[in-house]
Amino acid sequence: MLPVRKTAAASLLLLLLLPPSLAVGQVEYVVEREYYELWIQEDCTVKLYLYLEIKVLSGSISKYIRVGLPAESFKLAEVRCSKGVRDVSEERTGSFTGVVISPREPTRAGESVEVELEATLEEFVYEDLTNPGYAGIQLIPVWWSAPVRDLRVKVHLPPGVSLSEVKCTPSYSSAGTEEGRAYVYWEGELKPEEKLKLGVAFPARVLKAKPAKPGEAQPWYLSWLPGLILLSIIAVSIALLAIAAVRYWRREPYVPPELSMEVVGVRRDLDPVEAAVLLRIHPGRIAALILLSMVRKGAIKVKSTKPLKVEKSGVTRGLRYYERQMLTCIRSSEIDEDCLIHVLRTIRRNVDGKVSFFLRRQTEEYYRRKIEELWKQVEEEEIPEVKFRKYEENVLWLLMDEDYERKTRRVLKSRRQVEVPVIYVDYWPIIIPRPTPMRPRAEGRPPEAKPPAKAPTEAKPPKPVASIEEFADKLCRSIEEVSSKAIRKVEKAAKALTPEVRVTRRSSSVHRSCVCACVSCACACACVSCACACAGGGVG
């Protein structure tokens, strides 16, 4: 009889503790992209554009997609869904403010669904009580039960605001001016259920309407406080039942306490530029690696190295965070050196964060060994064409070697003449110039007499391709030229790449936990005192 009671008790306990999602079928997904663009208007309204890409890993999204909005008062302009829109409803409850989209077709495992949303937010610009004469907004991007792999937020300030007047927290990834309006930009990732607060403050004088005062709205949690109390009672009851069942079932023998420490090993997922920062490569070489990586992805073209001239192509897809930030440093075909140093500082902070819980010295040795192994792999290839392809695939790693020029000439040396394949002609445009095409002559018109050239050989156009050895030699020379031209403030750049020494201090409260962010070497504190409506997202 006793085993039957135990089985019944265990079954009852399992039913009480079983999440409802397991009974109805759980959807496992990841948010690939979550992009925001906001325009703060002079009348205190905010135009919002939101783009989402959700990939289903298991299960399916067939019933709804819930998208939270950052303001309780909003006017929905348009909703688009790649799977079609069967129905759209607006919800404004105590725990959720946003839009619920019912897709016309389901999104199954392995598929992705894209959602675009445009709306006007009202009562979203508030007076900043901690910064007299300032107004601002606070945005909390939609959080999910799944990770967000690519989060981007771009906020356009009202006309008349200069970047020097903007105060924001946390520190932005980049900033600039677009169509006469200043903007700030953040990018990053979100963990499941992570709530990221972004604040922007600016002079209120540019507004034609009066911003709202914080504290006018009732706190959102009061409306569902009774439900919290009821859920707490149920949770406590389940916990007491679980404790009683476990104690009744068996008693665990006393186990003496043990002290152990888990050592996390080597961080192996750094890309070549991040590894170069970790290995403290010269700042100019790191800048050259970034530019070379962007050339390979088609984002820029290097027009010349003496002086260094760079041209943007408009391609941004597939760029890393520092490459997108580098694009903002290219102004009138030249690279702003202070902006470049800020990019290096951003990479260093990101690398410090990535290796903070790993063995730093062993991680450095891992990447040094990796570079040596790649050299060996290139050298071991016997066919010159295969050797060159192997070299080109790993060139960003190989160029980190302090002796890369001598090693490049040694490993690519061949007994026979081997030309660079045509697909590599535009790889690094300053190395192998293409011949200038001759203009066609109009039919029926005799050619004009021209004075003879000094020497026939001088009129020959440059060859469109070069040998592999010549290609590699010119690549090494151009890398050195870019390294020397990109950064002249070597000491300042080296300081930006020096790892920070963390000092634990007793924090003091300023303006009710106001967060200060040092932006572009000038401490700008934004503590926007506003009531921000925020809600998470979900699918089903």
Protein backbone atom coordinates (compact mmCIF):
# COMPACT_ATOMS: atom_id res chain seq x y z
CA MET A 1 0.00 0.00 0.00
CA LEU A 2 2.87 2.31 0.81
CA PRO A 3 4.42 2.23 -2.69
CA VAL A 4 1.03 3.10 -4.21
CA ARG A 5 0.76 6.17 -1.96
CA LYS A 6 4.27 7.22 -2.86
CA THR A 7 3.51 6.88 -6.57
CA ALA A 8 0.29 8.85 -6.24
CA ALA A 9 2.00 11.60 -4.25
CA ALA A 10 4.82 11.80 -6.75
CA SER A 11 2.37 11.99 -9.66
CA LEU A 12 0.38 14.75 -7.96
CA LEU A 13 3.55 16.70 -7.21
CA LEU A 14 4.72 16.32 -10.82
CA LEU A 15 1.39 17.61 -12.16
CA LEU A 16 1.52 20.63 -9.86
CA LEU A 17 5.08 21.50 -10.82
CA LEU A 18 4.69 20.79 -14.56
CA PRO A 19 4.78 24.05 -16.59
CA PRO A 20 1.75 24.57 -18.82
CA SER A 21 4.01 25.04 -21.83
CA LEU A 22 5.07 21.39 -21.65
CA ALA A 23 1.48 20.26 -21.80
CA VAL A 24 0.57 22.29 -24.84
CA GLY A 25 3.86 21.99 -26.74
CA GLN A 26 6.75 24.37 -26.28
CA VAL A 27 8.23 26.56 -29.02
CA GLU A 28 11.98 26.90 -29.01
CA TYR A 29 13.20 29.91 -30.94
CA VAL A 30 15.85 32.59 -31.17
CA VAL A 31 15.56 36.26 -32.13
CA GLU A 32 18.12 36.69 -34.89
CA ARG A 33 17.59 40.45 -35.33
CA GLU A 34 15.84 43.18 -33.34
CA TYR A 35 16.37 46.60 -34.94
CA TYR A 36 14.92 49.89 -33.64
CA GLU A 37 14.97 53.30 -35.26
CA LEU A 38 13.35 56.24 -33.46
CA TRP A 39 12.87 59.86 -34.54
CA ILE A 40 12.14 62.32 -31.70
CA GLN A 41 9.91 65.07 -33.08
CA GLU A 42 9.63 68.69 -31.97
CA ASP A 43 6.01 68.13 -30.85
CA CYS A 44 7.20 65.52 -28.30
CA THR A 45 5.98 62.55 -30.33
CA VAL A 46 8.36 59.78 -31.38
CA LYS A 47 8.22 57.92 -34.69
CA LEU A 48 9.12 54.26 -34.18
CA TYR A 49 10.24 51.63 -36.68
CA LEU A 50 10.87 48.08 -35.42
CA TYR A 51 12.18 45.10 -37.39
CA LEU A 52 12.22 41.55 -35.98
CA GLU A 53 13.50 38.27 -37.36
CA ILE A 54 12.60 35.19 -35.32
CA LYS A 55 13.96 31.76 -36.18
CA VAL A 56 12.13 28.65 -34.93
CA LEU A 57 14.38 25.86 -33.67
CA SER A 58 11.66 23.39 -32.65
CA GLY A 59 7.87 23.46 -32.62
CA SER A 60 6.03 26.11 -34.62
CA ILE A 61 4.69 29.66 -34.36
CA SER A 62 1.10 29.55 -35.56
CA LYS A 63 -1.11 31.47 -33.11
CA TYR A 64 0.48 34.80 -32.22
CA ILE A 65 3.57 37.01 -32.00
CA ARG A 66 3.48 39.44 -29.06
CA VAL A 67 5.56 42.58 -29.47
CA GLY A 68 5.83 44.98 -26.55
CA LEU A 69 5.97 48.74 -27.15
CA PRO A 70 7.76 51.23 -24.87
CA ALA A 71 4.78 53.60 -24.40
CA GLU A 72 1.22 53.03 -23.22
CA SER A 73 -0.07 55.73 -25.57
CA PHE A 74 0.71 54.86 -29.18
CA LYS A 75 -0.86 54.98 -32.64
CA LEU A 76 -0.16 51.98 -34.81
CA ALA A 77 0.59 52.97 -38.41
CA GLU A 78 1.45 49.70 -40.14
CA VAL A 79 2.28 46.07 -39.36
CA ARG A 80 3.88 43.71 -41.88
CA CYS A 81 4.68 40.01 -41.47
CA SER A 82 6.51 37.72 -43.88
CA LYS A 83 3.98 34.96 -43.08
CA GLY A 84 1.00 37.24 -43.71
CA VAL A 85 -1.22 38.99 -41.18
CA ARG A 86 -4.53 37.43 -40.25
CA ASP A 87 -5.31 39.76 -37.36
CA VAL A 88 -3.67 42.55 -35.33
CA SER A 89 -4.84 43.63 -31.89
CA GLU A 90 -3.57 46.28 -29.50
CA GLU A 91 -3.30 45.46 -25.81
CA ARG A 92 -2.92 47.85 -22.89
CA THR A 93 -3.04 45.93 -19.65
CA GLY A 94 -1.17 46.26 -16.40
CA SER A 95 1.51 43.78 -17.41
CA PHE A 96 1.65 44.25 -21.19
CA THR A 97 1.50 47.17 -23.60
CA GLY A 98 1.94 46.38 -27.24
CA VAL A 99 0.68 44.53 -30.28
CA VAL A 100 -0.43 40.93 -30.78
CA ILE A 101 -0.03 39.70 -34.37
CA SER A 102 -1.78 36.59 -35.65
CA PRO A 103 0.19 35.26 -38.65
CA ARG A 104 -1.68 33.84 -41.62
CA GLU A 105 0.78 30.93 -42.07
CA PRO A 106 2.70 28.98 -39.41
CA THR A 107 6.47 29.20 -39.02
CA ARG A 108 7.90 25.72 -38.55
CA ALA A 109 11.24 24.46 -37.27
CA GLY A 110 14.13 25.72 -39.40
CA GLU A 111 12.10 28.62 -40.80
CA SER A 112 12.18 32.32 -39.91
CA VAL A 113 9.45 34.92 -39.68
CA GLU A 114 10.03 38.65 -40.15
CA VAL A 115 7.91 41.39 -38.59
CA GLU A 116 8.00 45.12 -39.34
CA LEU A 117 6.11 47.63 -37.24
CA GLU A 118 5.65 51.39 -37.53
CA ALA A 119 3.99 53.47 -34.84
CA THR A 120 3.85 56.93 -33.29
CA LEU A 121 4.58 57.04 -29.55
CA GLU A 122 2.87 59.71 -27.47
CA GLU A 123 3.72 60.84 -23.93
CA PHE A 124 7.12 59.21 -24.36
CA VAL A 125 9.30 62.33 -24.06
CA TYR A 126 9.63 63.38 -20.42
CA GLU A 127 11.14 66.27 -18.54
CA ASP A 128 14.48 65.30 -16.99
CA LEU A 129 14.28 66.35 -13.34
CA THR A 130 17.92 65.53 -12.65
CA ASN A 131 19.25 67.64 -15.54
CA PRO A 132 17.49 71.05 -15.48
CA GLY A 133 16.58 72.29 -18.93
CA TYR A 134 16.77 68.81 -20.44
CA ALA A 135 14.19 66.35 -21.75
CA GLY A 136 14.67 62.76 -22.79
CA ILE A 137 13.41 59.26 -23.38
CA GLN A 138 14.14 55.89 -21.86
CA LEU A 139 13.81 52.81 -24.05
CA ILE A 140 13.78 49.20 -22.91
CA PRO A 141 13.93 46.93 -25.99
CA VAL A 142 11.55 43.98 -26.08
CA TRP A 143 12.90 41.09 -24.04
CA TRP A 144 12.13 37.46 -24.80
CA SER A 145 12.46 34.02 -23.25
CA ALA A 146 15.06 33.42 -25.97
CA PRO A 147 18.34 35.23 -26.71
CA VAL A 148 18.57 38.19 -29.09
CA ARG A 149 21.65 37.69 -31.22
CA ASP A 150 21.74 41.09 -32.94
CA LEU A 151 20.22 44.16 -31.24
CA ARG A 152 20.53 47.60 -32.82
CA VAL A 153 18.98 50.85 -31.63
CA LYS A 154 19.33 54.16 -33.46
CA VAL A 155 17.80 57.32 -31.97
CA HIS A 156 17.54 60.51 -34.06
CA LEU A 157 17.47 63.67 -31.94
CA PRO A 158 15.27 66.67 -32.79
CA PRO A 159 16.65 69.28 -35.21
CA GLY A 160 18.90 71.80 -33.50
CA VAL A 161 20.61 69.36 -31.11
CA SER A 162 24.38 68.96 -31.42
CA LEU A 163 26.23 65.83 -30.34
CA SER A 164 28.11 67.75 -27.66
CA GLU A 165 24.78 68.47 -25.93
CA VAL A 166 23.55 64.87 -25.89
CA LYS A 167 23.70 62.87 -22.67
CA CYS A 168 23.11 59.15 -22.80
CA THR A 169 23.53 55.94 -20.89
CA PRO A 170 25.07 53.47 -21.41
CA SER A 171 27.89 54.62 -23.68
CA TYR A 172 26.79 54.51 -27.30
CA SER A 173 28.49 52.35 -29.92
CA SER A 174 28.65 55.21 -32.40
CA ALA A 175 27.16 58.64 -33.07
CA GLY A 176 26.98 61.08 -35.92
CA THR A 177 24.82 63.38 -38.02
CA GLU A 178 22.36 62.24 -40.66
CA GLU A 179 20.23 64.59 -42.79
CA GLY A 180 21.06 67.46 -40.46
CA ARG A 181 20.01 65.61 -37.28
CA ALA A 182 22.29 64.15 -34.63
CA TYR A 183 21.86 60.49 -33.75
CA VAL A 184 23.22 57.97 -31.26
CA TYR A 185 23.48 54.26 -31.92
CA TRP A 186 23.79 51.14 -29.78
CA GLU A 187 24.34 47.53 -30.76
CA GLY A 188 24.83 44.30 -28.87
CA GLU A 189 23.11 41.12 -27.76
CA LEU A 190 20.49 40.23 -25.15
CA LYS A 191 20.30 37.18 -22.95
CA PRO A 192 16.91 35.54 -22.31
CA GLU A 193 14.71 37.83 -20.17
CA GLU A 194 17.42 40.53 -20.14
CA LYS A 195 16.06 44.07 -19.79
CA LEU A 196 18.42 46.71 -21.19
CA LYS A 197 17.72 50.35 -20.32
CA LEU A 198 18.82 52.97 -22.85
CA GLY A 199 18.48 56.64 -21.94
CA VAL A 200 18.94 59.75 -24.10
CA ALA A 201 18.66 63.34 -22.85
CA PHE A 202 18.88 66.58 -24.84
CA PRO A 203 18.13 70.31 -24.35
CA ALA A 204 14.38 70.90 -24.02
CA ARG A 205 14.68 74.26 -25.82
CA VAL A 206 14.48 72.50 -29.21
CA LEU A 207 10.97 71.19 -28.44
CA LYS A 208 7.88 73.16 -29.46
CA ALA A 209 5.63 71.26 -27.03
CA LYS A 210 6.10 70.81 -23.31
CA PRO A 211 7.39 67.36 -22.34
CA ALA A 212 5.41 65.33 -19.82
CA LYS A 213 6.40 65.30 -16.16
CA PRO A 214 7.44 61.96 -14.66
CA GLY A 215 5.34 60.43 -11.93
CA GLU A 216 1.97 61.38 -13.41
CA ALA A 217 1.06 57.82 -14.33
CA GLN A 218 0.13 55.18 -11.78
CA PRO A 219 2.82 52.51 -11.32
CA TRP A 220 1.99 49.59 -13.58
CA TYR A 221 2.55 46.94 -10.93
CA LEU A 222 -0.31 48.15 -8.70
CA SER A 223 -2.92 46.93 -11.19
CA TRP A 224 -1.84 43.32 -10.90
CA LEU A 225 -0.71 43.29 -7.26
CA PRO A 226 -3.67 41.04 -6.21
CA GLY A 227 -2.63 38.49 -8.80
CA LEU A 228 0.90 38.55 -7.43
CA ILE A 229 -0.37 37.81 -3.94
CA LEU A 230 -2.45 34.88 -5.20
CA LEU A 231 0.47 33.47 -7.19
CA SER A 232 2.72 33.83 -4.16
CA ILE A 233 0.30 31.82 -2.01
CA ILE A 234 0.13 29.06 -4.64
CA ALA A 235 3.93 29.01 -5.02
CA VAL A 236 4.46 28.76 -1.24
CA SER A 237 1.93 25.92 -1.03
CA ILE A 238 3.65 23.99 -3.82
CA ALA A 239 7.04 24.54 -2.20
CA LEU A 240 5.81 23.28 1.19
CA LEU A 241 4.25 20.23 -0.48
CA ALA A 242 7.48 19.50 -2.33
CA ILE A 243 9.57 19.79 0.85
CA ALA A 244 7.21 17.50 2.76
CA ALA A 245 7.22 14.93 -0.05
CA VAL A 246 11.01 14.88 -0.30
CA ARG A 247 11.46 14.52 3.46
CA TYR A 248 8.87 11.77 3.60
CA TRP A 249 10.36 9.93 0.68
CA ARG A 250 13.89 9.58 1.98
CA ARG A 251 16.48 11.27 4.09
CA GLU A 252 19.74 12.15 2.54
CA PRO A 253 22.82 11.17 4.59
CA TYR A 254 24.95 14.00 5.88
CA VAL A 255 27.66 14.98 3.43
CA PRO A 256 30.54 17.08 4.73
CA PRO A 257 31.01 20.37 2.85
CA GLU A 258 33.59 20.53 0.06
CA LEU A 259 35.34 23.56 -1.37
CA SER A 260 36.00 23.46 -5.09
CA MET A 261 36.71 25.97 -7.84
CA GLU A 262 35.88 25.46 -11.48
CA VAL A 263 38.57 26.75 -13.80
CA VAL A 264 37.35 27.91 -17.20
CA GLY A 265 39.96 27.19 -19.83
CA VAL A 266 40.87 28.97 -23.06
CA ARG A 267 38.60 31.36 -24.97
CA ARG A 268 38.69 29.99 -28.52
CA ASP A 269 36.08 32.05 -30.40
CA LEU A 270 37.88 35.37 -30.91
CA ASP A 271 38.13 36.60 -34.48
CA PRO A 272 41.48 37.73 -35.95
CA VAL A 273 41.06 41.41 -35.02
CA GLU A 274 40.03 40.59 -31.44
CA ALA A 275 42.93 38.14 -31.16
CA ALA A 276 45.29 40.86 -32.41
CA VAL A 277 44.09 43.17 -29.63
CA LEU A 278 44.56 40.38 -27.09
CA LEU A 279 48.13 39.76 -28.33
CA ARG A 280 48.88 43.51 -28.17
CA ILE A 281 49.73 43.85 -31.86
CA HIS A 282 50.74 47.35 -33.00
CA PRO A 283 47.66 49.64 -33.25
CA GLY A 284 48.45 50.54 -36.87
CA ARG A 285 48.53 46.87 -37.84
CA ILE A 286 45.18 46.29 -36.14
CA ALA A 287 43.70 49.21 -38.08
CA ALA A 288 45.07 47.69 -41.30
CA LEU A 289 43.53 44.32 -40.43
CA ILE A 290 40.14 45.97 -39.91
CA LEU A 291 40.34 47.75 -43.26
CA LEU A 292 41.51 44.59 -45.05
CA SER A 293 38.63 42.62 -43.52
CA MET A 294 36.17 45.28 -44.70
CA VAL A 295 37.67 45.20 -48.21
CA ARG A 296 37.23 41.42 -48.34
CA LYS A 297 33.56 41.85 -47.41
CA GLY A 298 33.01 44.53 -50.04
CA ALA A 299 32.20 47.28 -47.53
CA ILE A 300 34.99 49.67 -48.60
CA LYS A 301 37.58 50.23 -51.30
CA VAL A 302 41.08 51.45 -50.56
CA LYS A 303 41.83 53.97 -53.30
CA SER A 304 45.42 54.72 -52.29
CA THR A 305 47.88 54.38 -49.43
CA LYS A 306 49.94 57.53 -50.05
CA PRO A 307 47.93 59.27 -48.69
CA LEU A 308 45.45 56.78 -47.26
CA LYS A 309 42.14 57.20 -49.11
CA VAL A 310 39.13 54.96 -48.43
CA GLU A 311 35.74 54.87 -50.14
CA LYS A 312 32.56 53.33 -48.70
CA SER A 313 30.55 51.04 -50.98
CA GLY A 314 27.29 51.00 -49.00
CA VAL A 315 27.52 47.29 -48.09
CA THR A 316 26.91 46.66 -44.37
CA ARG A 317 25.57 43.13 -44.19
CA GLY A 318 27.86 40.65 -42.45
CA LEU A 319 30.05 43.31 -40.82
CA ARG A 320 31.30 42.87 -37.27
CA TYR A 321 30.49 45.46 -34.59
CA TYR A 322 33.86 47.23 -34.94
CA GLU A 323 33.59 47.26 -38.75
CA ARG A 324 30.20 48.98 -38.62
CA GLN A 325 31.69 51.44 -36.16
CA MET A 326 34.68 51.96 -38.46
CA LEU A 327 32.32 53.04 -41.25
CA THR A 328 31.37 56.07 -39.15
CA CYS A 329 35.06 57.06 -39.00
CA ILE A 330 35.36 57.40 -42.80
CA ARG A 331 34.67 61.03 -43.67
CA SER A 332 35.49 62.54 -47.07
CA SER A 333 37.54 59.44 -47.99
CA GLU A 334 39.75 59.93 -44.93
CA ILE A 335 39.75 58.13 -41.58
CA ASP A 336 39.17 60.23 -38.48
CA GLU A 337 41.99 59.16 -36.17
CA ASP A 338 40.22 59.99 -32.90
CA CYS A 339 37.23 57.96 -34.07
CA LEU A 340 39.54 55.08 -34.99
CA ILE A 341 41.10 55.16 -31.52
CA HIS A 342 37.57 54.99 -30.07
CA VAL A 343 36.98 51.88 -32.22
CA LEU A 344 40.15 50.28 -30.82
CA ARG A 345 39.01 51.10 -27.30
CA THR A 346 35.64 49.45 -28.00
CA ILE A 347 37.34 46.28 -29.26
CA ARG A 348 39.65 46.16 -26.24
CA ARG A 349 36.72 46.48 -23.82
CA ASN A 350 34.84 43.74 -25.64
CA VAL A 351 37.89 41.46 -25.59
CA ASP A 352 38.45 42.14 -21.89
CA GLY A 353 34.85 41.11 -21.25
CA LYS A 354 35.16 37.95 -23.33
CA VAL A 355 38.31 36.69 -21.56
CA SER A 356 37.45 37.95 -18.07
CA PHE A 357 36.41 34.48 -16.84
CA PHE A 358 39.03 32.59 -18.84
CA LEU A 359 42.76 32.01 -18.50
CA ARG A 360 44.20 35.04 -20.29
CA ARG A 361 47.81 33.90 -20.61
CA GLN A 362 46.82 30.44 -21.87
CA THR A 363 44.40 32.09 -24.31
CA GLU A 364 47.23 34.22 -25.71
CA GLU A 365 49.41 31.14 -26.14
CA TYR A 366 46.54 29.35 -27.89
CA TYR A 367 46.31 32.05 -30.58
CA ARG A 368 50.10 32.23 -31.01
CA ARG A 369 50.14 28.47 -31.61
CA LYS A 370 47.20 28.83 -34.01
CA ILE A 371 49.11 31.34 -36.15
CA GLU A 372 52.14 29.03 -36.30
CA GLU A 373 49.92 26.08 -37.26
CA LEU A 374 48.38 28.09 -40.10
CA TRP A 375 51.84 28.94 -41.46
CA LYS A 376 52.69 25.23 -41.43
CA GLN A 377 49.47 24.35 -43.25
CA VAL A 378 50.25 26.86 -46.01
CA GLU A 379 53.83 25.68 -46.34
CA GLU A 380 52.86 22.00 -46.49
CA GLU A 381 50.69 22.49 -49.59
CA GLU A 382 52.61 21.40 -52.69
CA ILE A 383 50.40 22.82 -55.44
CA PRO A 384 51.05 26.59 -55.75
CA GLU A 385 47.42 27.44 -56.53
CA VAL A 386 46.21 25.54 -53.47
CA LYS A 387 48.98 27.10 -51.38
CA PHE A 388 47.88 30.58 -52.43
CA ARG A 389 44.21 29.85 -51.70
CA LYS A 390 45.18 28.57 -48.24
CA TYR A 391 47.23 31.72 -47.64
CA GLU A 392 44.40 34.02 -48.77
CA GLU A 393 41.79 32.28 -46.60
CA ASN A 394 43.90 32.82 -43.45
CA VAL A 395 45.62 36.08 -44.38
CA LEU A 396 44.12 38.02 -41.45
CA TRP A 397 45.63 35.52 -39.01
CA LEU A 398 48.97 35.34 -40.82
CA LEU A 399 49.41 39.12 -40.96
CA MET A 400 49.43 39.16 -37.15
CA ASP A 401 52.87 37.51 -37.20
CA GLU A 402 55.67 39.99 -36.52
CA ASP A 403 57.76 38.31 -39.22
CA TYR A 404 54.95 37.95 -41.75
CA GLU A 405 56.85 39.61 -44.65
CA ARG A 406 59.77 37.16 -44.61
CA LYS A 407 57.49 34.16 -44.00
CA THR A 408 55.15 35.21 -46.81
CA ARG A 409 58.00 35.36 -49.32
CA ARG A 410 59.36 32.03 -48.11
CA VAL A 411 56.13 29.98 -48.11
CA LEU A 412 54.79 31.38 -51.42
CA LYS A 413 58.04 31.02 -53.34
CA SER A 414 57.51 28.77 -56.36
CA ARG A 415 59.79 27.31 -59.01
CA ARG A 416 57.38 28.17 -61.79
CA GLN A 417 55.47 31.35 -62.57
CA VAL A 418 51.93 31.17 -61.18
CA GLU A 419 49.47 33.99 -61.81
CA VAL A 420 46.90 35.21 -59.31
CA PRO A 421 43.42 33.90 -60.22
CA VAL A 422 41.06 36.46 -61.74
CA ILE A 423 38.73 36.36 -58.72
CA TYR A 424 41.45 37.99 -56.59
CA VAL A 425 42.14 40.94 -58.89
CA ASP A 426 39.81 43.28 -56.98
CA TYR A 427 40.67 41.77 -53.61
CA TRP A 428 42.82 44.71 -52.49
CA PRO A 429 42.39 47.27 -55.28
CA ILE A 430 45.59 49.23 -54.68
CA ILE A 431 47.80 46.22 -55.31
CA ILE A 432 46.94 45.13 -58.84
CA PRO A 433 45.59 47.97 -61.00
CA ARG A 434 43.31 47.03 -63.87
CA PRO A 435 44.17 48.31 -67.36
CA THR A 436 42.27 51.41 -68.44
CA PRO A 437 39.82 50.45 -71.24
CA MET A 438 40.33 52.19 -74.59
CA ARG A 439 37.50 54.39 -75.80
CA PRO A 440 35.84 53.12 -79.02
CA ARG A 441 36.31 55.28 -82.10
CA ALA A 442 33.25 56.50 -83.99
CA GLU A 443 32.67 54.65 -87.27
CA GLY A 444 33.45 56.42 -90.53
CA ARG A 445 35.84 58.90 -88.89
CA PRO A 446 39.55 58.53 -89.56
CA PRO A 447 41.81 58.45 -86.53
CA GLU A 448 43.34 61.78 -85.53
CA ALA A 449 47.04 62.20 -85.98
CA LYS A 450 48.85 62.39 -82.65
CA PRO A 451 52.51 63.10 -81.91
CA PRO A 452 54.49 59.93 -81.30
CA ALA A 453 55.12 58.88 -77.73
CA LYS A 454 58.59 59.06 -76.24
CA ALA A 455 58.87 55.32 -75.98
CA PRO A 456 56.45 52.60 -77.04
CA THR A 457 56.99 50.68 -73.84
CA GLU A 458 55.69 53.56 -71.67
CA ALA A 459 52.21 53.40 -73.25
CA LYS A 460 51.56 49.81 -72.16
CA PRO A 461 48.78 49.46 -69.60
CA PRO A 462 49.52 47.62 -66.33
CA LYS A 463 48.89 43.92 -66.27
CA PRO A 464 45.50 42.93 -64.84
CA VAL A 465 46.98 40.06 -62.84
CA ALA A 466 50.31 39.40 -61.19
CA SER A 467 52.21 36.41 -59.99
CA ILE A 468 51.42 34.99 -56.58
CA GLU A 469 54.78 36.11 -55.22
CA GLU A 470 54.28 39.65 -56.53
CA PHE A 471 50.75 39.74 -55.17
CA ALA A 472 51.85 38.67 -51.68
CA ASP A 473 54.84 41.02 -51.73
CA LYS A 474 52.70 44.05 -52.63
CA LEU A 475 50.10 43.03 -50.05
CA CYS A 476 52.75 43.04 -47.32
CA ARG A 477 54.09 46.41 -48.46
CA SER A 478 50.62 47.97 -48.58
CA ILE A 479 49.78 46.62 -45.11
CA GLU A 480 52.88 48.34 -43.76
CA GLU A 481 51.93 51.57 -45.53
CA VAL A 482 48.38 51.49 -44.14
CA SER A 483 49.71 50.64 -40.67
CA SER A 484 51.97 53.71 -40.69
CA LYS A 485 49.39 56.09 -42.19
CA ALA A 486 46.26 55.07 -40.26
CA ILE A 487 47.48 56.04 -36.80
CA ARG A 488 49.96 58.78 -36.01
CA LYS A 489 48.98 59.19 -32.35
CA VAL A 490 50.65 55.90 -31.46
CA GLU A 491 50.85 56.56 -27.72
CA LYS A 492 47.17 57.46 -27.49
CA ALA A 493 46.20 54.40 -29.53
CA ALA A 494 48.40 52.12 -27.43
CA LYS A 495 46.77 53.49 -24.29
CA ALA A 496 43.34 52.70 -25.76
CA LEU A 497 44.45 49.08 -26.21
CA THR A 498 45.86 48.71 -22.70
CA PRO A 499 43.62 46.45 -20.57
CA GLU A 500 41.85 48.26 -17.75
CA VAL A 501 42.86 47.56 -14.16
CA ARG A 502 39.63 47.02 -12.29
CA VAL A 503 39.50 48.65 -8.87
CA THR A 504 36.69 47.84 -6.49
CA ARG A 505 35.26 50.99 -4.94
CA ARG A 506 32.42 51.84 -2.70
CA SER A 507 29.73 53.27 -4.95
CA SER A 508 27.88 56.40 -3.97
CA SER A 509 24.32 57.27 -4.91
CA VAL A 510 23.93 60.33 -7.12
CA HIS A 511 20.51 61.58 -8.23
CA ARG A 512 18.71 58.38 -7.22
CA SER A 513 21.01 55.81 -8.81
CA CYS A 514 21.71 57.96 -11.82
CA VAL A 515 24.00 56.19 -14.27
CA CYS A 516 26.91 58.14 -15.76
CA ALA A 517 28.49 57.09 -19.02
CA CYS A 518 31.83 58.47 -20.24
CA VAL A 519 31.17 59.27 -23.87
CA SER A 520 34.04 60.20 -26.18
CA CYS A 521 36.32 61.11 -23.28
CA ALA A 522 33.72 63.51 -21.83
CA CYS A 523 31.61 62.29 -18.94
CA ALA A 524 27.98 62.75 -19.92
CA CYS A 525 25.36 61.74 -17.38
CA ALA A 526 21.84 60.96 -18.49
CA CYS A 527 19.33 60.05 -15.82
CA VAL A 528 16.01 60.44 -17.60
CA SER A 529 13.27 60.64 -14.99
CA CYS A 530 10.45 59.14 -16.99
CA ALA A 531 7.83 56.46 -16.58
CA CYS A 532 8.73 53.99 -19.28
CA ALA A 533 6.11 51.44 -20.25
CA CYS A 534 7.87 48.27 -21.30
CA ALA A 535 6.80 44.75 -22.04
CA GLY A 536 8.38 41.54 -23.16
CA GLY A 537 7.61 39.62 -26.30
CA GLY A 538 6.44 36.10 -26.92
CA VAL A 539 5.32 33.64 -29.55
CA GLY A 540 2.88 30.78 -29.69
